[in-house]
PDB file of all heavy atoms in Angstrom:
ATOM      1  N   THR A   1     -10.176   1.885 -31.453  1.00  0.00           N
ATOM      2  CA  THR A   1     -11.424   2.639 -31.622  1.00  0.00           C
ATOM      3  C   THR A   1     -12.455   2.221 -30.590  1.00  0.00           C
ATOM      4  O   THR A   1     -13.159   3.065 -30.011  1.00  0.00           O
ATOM      5  CB  THR A   1     -11.967   2.438 -33.041  1.00  0.00           C
ATOM      6  OG1 THR A   1     -11.113   3.119 -33.964  1.00  0.00           O
ATOM      7  CG2 THR A   1     -13.380   2.984 -33.188  1.00  0.00           C
ATOM      8  N   LEU A   2     -12.588   0.921 -30.352  1.00  0.00           N
ATOM      9  CA  LEU A   2     -13.566   0.454 -29.373  1.00  0.00           C
ATOM     10  C   LEU A   2     -13.247   1.003 -27.982  1.00  0.00           C
ATOM     11  O   LEU A   2     -14.152   1.421 -27.242  1.00  0.00           O
ATOM     12  CB  LEU A   2     -13.590  -1.075 -29.347  1.00  0.00           C
ATOM     13  CG  LEU A   2     -14.303  -1.738 -30.526  1.00  0.00           C
ATOM     14  CD1 LEU A   2     -14.029  -3.244 -30.548  1.00  0.00           C
ATOM     15  CD2 LEU A   2     -15.813  -1.481 -30.472  1.00  0.00           C
ATOM     16  N   ALA A   3     -11.959   1.022 -27.607  1.00  0.00           N
ATOM     17  CA  ALA A   3     -11.582   1.566 -26.303  1.00  0.00           C
ATOM     18  C   ALA A   3     -11.937   3.046 -26.210  1.00  0.00           C
ATOM     19  O   ALA A   3     -12.481   3.523 -25.205  1.00  0.00           O
ATOM     20  CB  ALA A   3     -10.082   1.357 -26.061  1.00  0.00           C
ATOM     21  N   TRP A   4     -11.636   3.779 -27.266  1.00  0.00           N
ATOM     22  CA  TRP A   4     -11.955   5.211 -27.290  1.00  0.00           C
ATOM     23  C   TRP A   4     -13.465   5.432 -27.201  1.00  0.00           C
ATOM     24  O   TRP A   4     -13.938   6.296 -26.454  1.00  0.00           O
ATOM     25  CB  TRP A   4     -11.399   5.825 -28.566  1.00  0.00           C
ATOM     26  CG  TRP A   4     -11.894   7.209 -28.848  1.00  0.00           C
ATOM     27  CD1 TRP A   4     -12.850   7.578 -29.743  1.00  0.00           C
ATOM     28  CD2 TRP A   4     -11.478   8.420 -28.201  1.00  0.00           C
ATOM     29  NE1 TRP A   4     -13.045   8.937 -29.712  1.00  0.00           N
ATOM     30  CE2 TRP A   4     -12.222   9.478 -28.769  1.00  0.00           C
ATOM     31  CE3 TRP A   4     -10.548   8.707 -27.207  1.00  0.00           C
ATOM     32  CZ2 TRP A   4     -12.057  10.792 -28.364  1.00  0.00           C
ATOM     33  CZ3 TRP A   4     -10.395  10.025 -26.808  1.00  0.00           C
ATOM     34  CH2 TRP A   4     -11.139  11.048 -27.386  1.00  0.00           C
ATOM     35  N   GLU A   5     -14.223   4.652 -27.948  1.00  0.00           N
ATOM     36  CA  GLU A   5     -15.668   4.838 -27.968  1.00  0.00           C
ATOM     37  C   GLU A   5     -16.317   4.455 -26.640  1.00  0.00           C
ATOM     38  O   GLU A   5     -17.353   5.002 -26.274  1.00  0.00           O
ATOM     39  CB  GLU A   5     -16.289   4.025 -29.106  1.00  0.00           C
ATOM     40  CG  GLU A   5     -15.979   4.570 -30.494  1.00  0.00           C
ATOM     41  CD  GLU A   5     -16.599   5.934 -30.759  1.00  0.00           C
ATOM     42  OE1 GLU A   5     -17.613   6.278 -30.096  1.00  0.00           O
ATOM     43  OE2 GLU A   5     -16.075   6.673 -31.604  1.00  0.00           O
ATOM     44  N   ILE A   6     -15.728   3.502 -25.929  1.00  0.00           N
ATOM     45  CA  ILE A   6     -16.241   3.154 -24.598  1.00  0.00           C
ATOM     46  C   ILE A   6     -16.141   4.362 -23.681  1.00  0.00           C
ATOM     47  O   ILE A   6     -17.109   4.731 -22.993  1.00  0.00           O
ATOM     48  CB  ILE A   6     -15.471   1.950 -24.033  1.00  0.00           C
ATOM     49  CG1 ILE A   6     -15.943   0.660 -24.723  1.00  0.00           C
ATOM     50  CG2 ILE A   6     -15.647   1.834 -22.514  1.00  0.00           C
ATOM     51  CD1 ILE A   6     -15.050  -0.525 -24.490  1.00  0.00           C
ATOM     52  N   HIS A   7     -14.984   4.990 -23.662  1.00  0.00           N
ATOM     53  CA  HIS A   7     -14.827   6.186 -22.826  1.00  0.00           C
ATOM     54  C   HIS A   7     -15.756   7.303 -23.300  1.00  0.00           C
ATOM     55  O   HIS A   7     -16.377   7.993 -22.488  1.00  0.00           O
ATOM     56  CB  HIS A   7     -13.372   6.655 -22.850  1.00  0.00           C
ATOM     57  CG  HIS A   7     -12.452   5.800 -22.040  1.00  0.00           C
ATOM     58  ND1 HIS A   7     -12.531   5.714 -20.671  1.00  0.00           N
ATOM     59  CD2 HIS A   7     -11.425   4.982 -22.408  1.00  0.00           C
ATOM     60  CE1 HIS A   7     -11.597   4.899 -20.212  1.00  0.00           C
ATOM     61  NE2 HIS A   7     -10.904   4.439 -21.246  1.00  0.00           N
ATOM     62  N   ARG A   8     -15.848   7.493 -24.599  1.00  0.00           N
ATOM     63  CA  ARG A   8     -16.698   8.569 -25.117  1.00  0.00           C
ATOM     64  C   ARG A   8     -18.162   8.337 -24.748  1.00  0.00           C
ATOM     65  O   ARG A   8     -18.874   9.273 -24.355  1.00  0.00           O
ATOM     66  CB  ARG A   8     -16.557   8.666 -26.643  1.00  0.00           C
ATOM     67  CG  ARG A   8     -17.300   9.869 -27.239  1.00  0.00           C
ATOM     68  CD  ARG A   8     -16.771  10.194 -28.616  1.00  0.00           C
ATOM     69  NE  ARG A   8     -17.289   9.302 -29.624  1.00  0.00           N
ATOM     70  CZ  ARG A   8     -18.376   9.572 -30.370  1.00  0.00           C
ATOM     71  NH1 ARG A   8     -19.034  10.704 -30.195  1.00  0.00           N
ATOM     72  NH2 ARG A   8     -18.776   8.738 -31.285  1.00  0.00           N
ATOM     73  N   PHE A   9     -18.622   7.090 -24.870  1.00  0.00           N
ATOM     74  CA  PHE A   9     -20.010   6.759 -24.545  1.00  0.00           C
ATOM     75  C   PHE A   9     -20.339   7.153 -23.112  1.00  0.00           C
ATOM     76  O   PHE A   9     -21.351   7.822 -22.847  1.00  0.00           O
ATOM     77  CB  PHE A   9     -20.242   5.259 -24.751  1.00  0.00           C
ATOM     78  CG  PHE A   9     -21.628   4.790 -24.387  1.00  0.00           C
ATOM     79  CD1 PHE A   9     -22.655   4.832 -25.318  1.00  0.00           C
ATOM     80  CD2 PHE A   9     -21.889   4.302 -23.115  1.00  0.00           C
ATOM     81  CE1 PHE A   9     -23.933   4.399 -24.986  1.00  0.00           C
ATOM     82  CE2 PHE A   9     -23.163   3.866 -22.771  1.00  0.00           C
ATOM     83  CZ  PHE A   9     -24.189   3.910 -23.710  1.00  0.00           C
ATOM     84  N   PHE A  10     -19.504   6.745 -22.180  1.00  0.00           N
ATOM     85  CA  PHE A  10     -19.803   7.017 -20.775  1.00  0.00           C
ATOM     86  C   PHE A  10     -19.541   8.472 -20.402  1.00  0.00           C
ATOM     87  O   PHE A  10     -20.315   9.078 -19.642  1.00  0.00           O
ATOM     88  CB  PHE A  10     -19.005   6.074 -19.875  1.00  0.00           C
ATOM     89  CG  PHE A  10     -19.497   4.649 -19.918  1.00  0.00           C
ATOM     90  CD1 PHE A  10     -18.666   3.635 -20.351  1.00  0.00           C
ATOM     91  CD2 PHE A  10     -20.790   4.340 -19.538  1.00  0.00           C
ATOM     92  CE1 PHE A  10     -19.110   2.317 -20.399  1.00  0.00           C
ATOM     93  CE2 PHE A  10     -21.250   3.033 -19.586  1.00  0.00           C
ATOM     94  CZ  PHE A  10     -20.407   2.019 -20.016  1.00  0.00           C
ATOM     95  N   GLN A  11     -18.487   9.062 -20.932  1.00  0.00           N
ATOM     96  CA  GLN A  11     -18.179  10.451 -20.588  1.00  0.00           C
ATOM     97  C   GLN A  11     -19.270  11.389 -21.077  1.00  0.00           C
ATOM     98  O   GLN A  11     -19.634  12.354 -20.381  1.00  0.00           O
ATOM     99  CB  GLN A  11     -16.825  10.852 -21.172  1.00  0.00           C
ATOM    100  CG  GLN A  11     -15.630  10.154 -20.530  1.00  0.00           C
ATOM    101  CD  GLN A  11     -15.417  10.534 -19.076  1.00  0.00           C
ATOM    102  OE1 GLN A  11     -15.703  11.664 -18.668  1.00  0.00           O
ATOM    103  NE2 GLN A  11     -14.926   9.595 -18.284  1.00  0.00           N
ATOM    104  N   GLU A  12     -19.804  11.130 -22.256  1.00  0.00           N
ATOM    105  CA  GLU A  12     -20.870  11.987 -22.788  1.00  0.00           C
ATOM    106  C   GLU A  12     -22.157  11.853 -21.986  1.00  0.00           C
ATOM    107  O   GLU A  12     -23.037  12.712 -22.089  1.00  0.00           O
ATOM    108  CB  GLU A  12     -21.127  11.649 -24.259  1.00  0.00           C
ATOM    109  CG  GLU A  12     -20.001  12.100 -25.191  1.00  0.00           C
ATOM    110  CD  GLU A  12     -20.280  11.760 -26.639  1.00  0.00           C
ATOM    111  OE1 GLU A  12     -21.239  10.986 -26.906  1.00  0.00           O
ATOM    112  OE2 GLU A  12     -19.543  12.251 -27.516  1.00  0.00           O
ATOM    113  N   ARG A  13     -22.275  10.793 -21.190  1.00  0.00           N
ATOM    114  CA  ARG A  13     -23.472  10.584 -20.373  1.00  0.00           C
ATOM    115  C   ARG A  13     -23.235  10.904 -18.907  1.00  0.00           C
ATOM    116  O   ARG A  13     -24.045  10.555 -18.050  1.00  0.00           O
ATOM    117  CB  ARG A  13     -23.965   9.136 -20.552  1.00  0.00           C
ATOM    118  CG  ARG A  13     -24.600   8.910 -21.920  1.00  0.00           C
ATOM    119  CD  ARG A  13     -24.634   7.444 -22.310  1.00  0.00           C
ATOM    120  NE  ARG A  13     -25.291   7.269 -23.608  1.00  0.00           N
ATOM    121  CZ  ARG A  13     -24.709   7.511 -24.779  1.00  0.00           C
ATOM    122  NH1 ARG A  13     -23.453   7.940 -24.819  1.00  0.00           N
ATOM    123  NH2 ARG A  13     -25.370   7.332 -25.910  1.00  0.00           N
ATOM    124  N   GLY A  14     -22.114  11.560 -18.628  1.00  0.00           N
ATOM    125  CA  GLY A  14     -21.860  12.033 -17.275  1.00  0.00           C
ATOM    126  C   GLY A  14     -21.342  10.991 -16.306  1.00  0.00           C
ATOM    127  O   GLY A  14     -21.407  11.201 -15.085  1.00  0.00           O
ATOM    128  N   PHE A  15     -20.811   9.881 -16.786  1.00  0.00           N
ATOM    129  CA  PHE A  15     -20.262   8.859 -15.904  1.00  0.00           C
ATOM    130  C   PHE A  15     -18.860   9.257 -15.440  1.00  0.00           C
ATOM    131  O   PHE A  15     -18.092   9.863 -16.194  1.00  0.00           O
ATOM    132  CB  PHE A  15     -20.178   7.508 -16.628  1.00  0.00           C
ATOM    133  CG  PHE A  15     -21.477   6.742 -16.684  1.00  0.00           C
ATOM    134  CD1 PHE A  15     -22.557   7.221 -17.409  1.00  0.00           C
ATOM    135  CD2 PHE A  15     -21.605   5.531 -16.021  1.00  0.00           C
ATOM    136  CE1 PHE A  15     -23.741   6.518 -17.475  1.00  0.00           C
ATOM    137  CE2 PHE A  15     -22.783   4.816 -16.081  1.00  0.00           C
ATOM    138  CZ  PHE A  15     -23.864   5.299 -16.805  1.00  0.00           C
ATOM    139  N   LEU A  16     -18.533   8.880 -14.211  1.00  0.00           N
ATOM    140  CA  LEU A  16     -17.202   9.105 -13.649  1.00  0.00           C
ATOM    141  C   LEU A  16     -16.349   7.854 -13.870  1.00  0.00           C
ATOM    142  O   LEU A  16     -16.770   6.742 -13.552  1.00  0.00           O
ATOM    143  CB  LEU A  16     -17.308   9.396 -12.156  1.00  0.00           C
ATOM    144  CG  LEU A  16     -16.000   9.709 -11.432  1.00  0.00           C
ATOM    145  CD1 LEU A  16     -15.583  11.144 -11.685  1.00  0.00           C
ATOM    146  CD2 LEU A  16     -16.146   9.448  -9.927  1.00  0.00           C
ATOM    147  N   TYR A  17     -15.155   8.035 -14.418  1.00  0.00           N
ATOM    148  CA  TYR A  17     -14.237   6.914 -14.650  1.00  0.00           C
ATOM    149  C   TYR A  17     -13.477   6.638 -13.362  1.00  0.00           C
ATOM    150  O   TYR A  17     -12.767   7.501 -12.846  1.00  0.00           O
ATOM    151  CB  TYR A  17     -13.281   7.277 -15.794  1.00  0.00           C
ATOM    152  CG  TYR A  17     -12.249   6.228 -16.134  1.00  0.00           C
ATOM    153  CD1 TYR A  17     -12.508   4.870 -16.008  1.00  0.00           C
ATOM    154  CD2 TYR A  17     -10.996   6.615 -16.609  1.00  0.00           C
ATOM    155  CE1 TYR A  17     -11.557   3.920 -16.334  1.00  0.00           C
ATOM    156  CE2 TYR A  17     -10.032   5.680 -16.954  1.00  0.00           C
ATOM    157  CZ  TYR A  17     -10.312   4.329 -16.813  1.00  0.00           C
ATOM    158  OH  TYR A  17      -9.367   3.396 -17.146  1.00  0.00           O
ATOM    159  N   VAL A  18     -13.607   5.418 -12.834  1.00  0.00           N
ATOM    160  CA  VAL A  18     -13.002   5.038 -11.567  1.00  0.00           C
ATOM    161  C   VAL A  18     -11.943   3.966 -11.795  1.00  0.00           C
ATOM    162  O   VAL A  18     -12.202   2.962 -12.468  1.00  0.00           O
ATOM    163  CB  VAL A  18     -14.067   4.499 -10.584  1.00  0.00           C
ATOM    164  CG1 VAL A  18     -13.410   4.073  -9.271  1.00  0.00           C
ATOM    165  CG2 VAL A  18     -15.134   5.543 -10.331  1.00  0.00           C
ATOM    166  N   HIS A  19     -10.759   4.182 -11.236  1.00  0.00           N
ATOM    167  CA  HIS A  19      -9.700   3.173 -11.289  1.00  0.00           C
ATOM    168  C   HIS A  19      -9.835   2.264 -10.073  1.00  0.00           C
ATOM    169  O   HIS A  19      -9.421   2.625  -8.971  1.00  0.00           O
ATOM    170  CB  HIS A  19      -8.320   3.838 -11.311  1.00  0.00           C
ATOM    171  CG  HIS A  19      -8.100   4.678 -12.521  1.00  0.00           C
ATOM    172  ND1 HIS A  19      -7.747   6.004 -12.458  1.00  0.00           N
ATOM    173  CD2 HIS A  19      -8.195   4.389 -13.838  1.00  0.00           C
ATOM    174  CE1 HIS A  19      -7.630   6.494 -13.689  1.00  0.00           C
ATOM    175  NE2 HIS A  19      -7.897   5.525 -14.530  1.00  0.00           N
ATOM    176  N   THR A  20     -10.408   1.106 -10.253  1.00  0.00           N
ATOM    177  CA  THR A  20     -10.580   0.171  -9.149  1.00  0.00           C
ATOM    178  C   THR A  20      -9.308  -0.649  -8.956  1.00  0.00           C
ATOM    179  O   THR A  20      -8.512  -0.805  -9.879  1.00  0.00           O
ATOM    180  CB  THR A  20     -11.781  -0.746  -9.415  1.00  0.00           C
ATOM    181  OG1 THR A  20     -11.637  -1.352 -10.708  1.00  0.00           O
ATOM    182  CG2 THR A  20     -13.072   0.041  -9.377  1.00  0.00           C
ATOM    183  N   PRO A  21      -9.099  -1.183  -7.752  1.00  0.00           N
ATOM    184  CA  PRO A  21      -7.823  -1.846  -7.450  1.00  0.00           C
ATOM    185  C   PRO A  21      -7.610  -3.140  -8.235  1.00  0.00           C
ATOM    186  O   PRO A  21      -8.548  -3.875  -8.522  1.00  0.00           O
ATOM    187  CB  PRO A  21      -7.903  -2.120  -5.942  1.00  0.00           C
ATOM    188  CG  PRO A  21      -9.342  -2.047  -5.602  1.00  0.00           C
ATOM    189  CD  PRO A  21      -9.969  -1.107  -6.576  1.00  0.00           C
ATOM    190  N   ILE A  22      -6.347  -3.409  -8.545  1.00  0.00           N
ATOM    191  CA  ILE A  22      -5.959  -4.660  -9.196  1.00  0.00           C
ATOM    192  C   ILE A  22      -5.669  -5.721  -8.137  1.00  0.00           C
ATOM    193  O   ILE A  22      -5.896  -6.910  -8.361  1.00  0.00           O
ATOM    194  CB  ILE A  22      -4.750  -4.424 -10.114  1.00  0.00           C
ATOM    195  CG1 ILE A  22      -5.186  -3.613 -11.337  1.00  0.00           C
ATOM    196  CG2 ILE A  22      -4.102  -5.736 -10.546  1.00  0.00           C
ATOM    197  CD1 ILE A  22      -4.058  -3.222 -12.261  1.00  0.00           C
ATOM    198  N   ILE A  23      -5.193  -5.313  -6.967  1.00  0.00           N
ATOM    199  CA  ILE A  23      -4.972  -6.235  -5.864  1.00  0.00           C
ATOM    200  C   ILE A  23      -6.157  -6.143  -4.918  1.00  0.00           C
ATOM    201  O   ILE A  23      -6.563  -5.047  -4.515  1.00  0.00           O
ATOM    202  CB  ILE A  23      -3.663  -5.908  -5.127  1.00  0.00           C
ATOM    203  CG1 ILE A  23      -2.471  -6.070  -6.083  1.00  0.00           C
ATOM    204  CG2 ILE A  23      -3.494  -6.799  -3.910  1.00  0.00           C
ATOM    205  CD1 ILE A  23      -1.151  -5.649  -5.472  1.00  0.00           C
ATOM    206  N   THR A  24      -6.719  -7.284  -4.550  1.00  0.00           N
ATOM    207  CA  THR A  24      -7.932  -7.296  -3.742  1.00  0.00           C
ATOM    208  C   THR A  24      -7.890  -8.459  -2.760  1.00  0.00           C
ATOM    209  O   THR A  24      -7.125  -9.408  -2.942  1.00  0.00           O
ATOM    210  CB  THR A  24      -9.181  -7.407  -4.638  1.00  0.00           C
ATOM    211  OG1 THR A  24     -10.356  -7.425  -3.834  1.00  0.00           O
ATOM    212  CG2 THR A  24      -9.153  -8.676  -5.470  1.00  0.00           C
ATOM    213  N   THR A  25      -8.720  -8.401  -1.737  1.00  0.00           N
ATOM    214  CA  THR A  25      -8.828  -9.504  -0.776  1.00  0.00           C
ATOM    215  C   THR A  25     -10.128 -10.270  -0.939  1.00  0.00           C
ATOM    216  O   THR A  25     -10.411 -11.182  -0.175  1.00  0.00           O
ATOM    217  CB  THR A  25      -8.746  -8.979   0.664  1.00  0.00           C
ATOM    218  OG1 THR A  25      -9.774  -8.005   0.866  1.00  0.00           O
ATOM    219  CG2 THR A  25      -7.396  -8.347   0.934  1.00  0.00           C
ATOM    220  N   GLY A  26     -10.933  -9.920  -1.942  1.00  0.00           N
ATOM    221  CA  GLY A  26     -12.214 -10.579  -2.146  1.00  0.00           C
ATOM    222  C   GLY A  26     -12.343 -11.169  -3.539  1.00  0.00           C
ATOM    223  O   GLY A  26     -11.578 -10.854  -4.447  1.00  0.00           O
TER     224      GLY A  26
END
């Protein structure tokens, strides 16, 4: 439920969901 509500909270406010990289150099 918490995971679902996190997405719902941001999606209802017009936020874009971005998949950021798991492998990084920084």
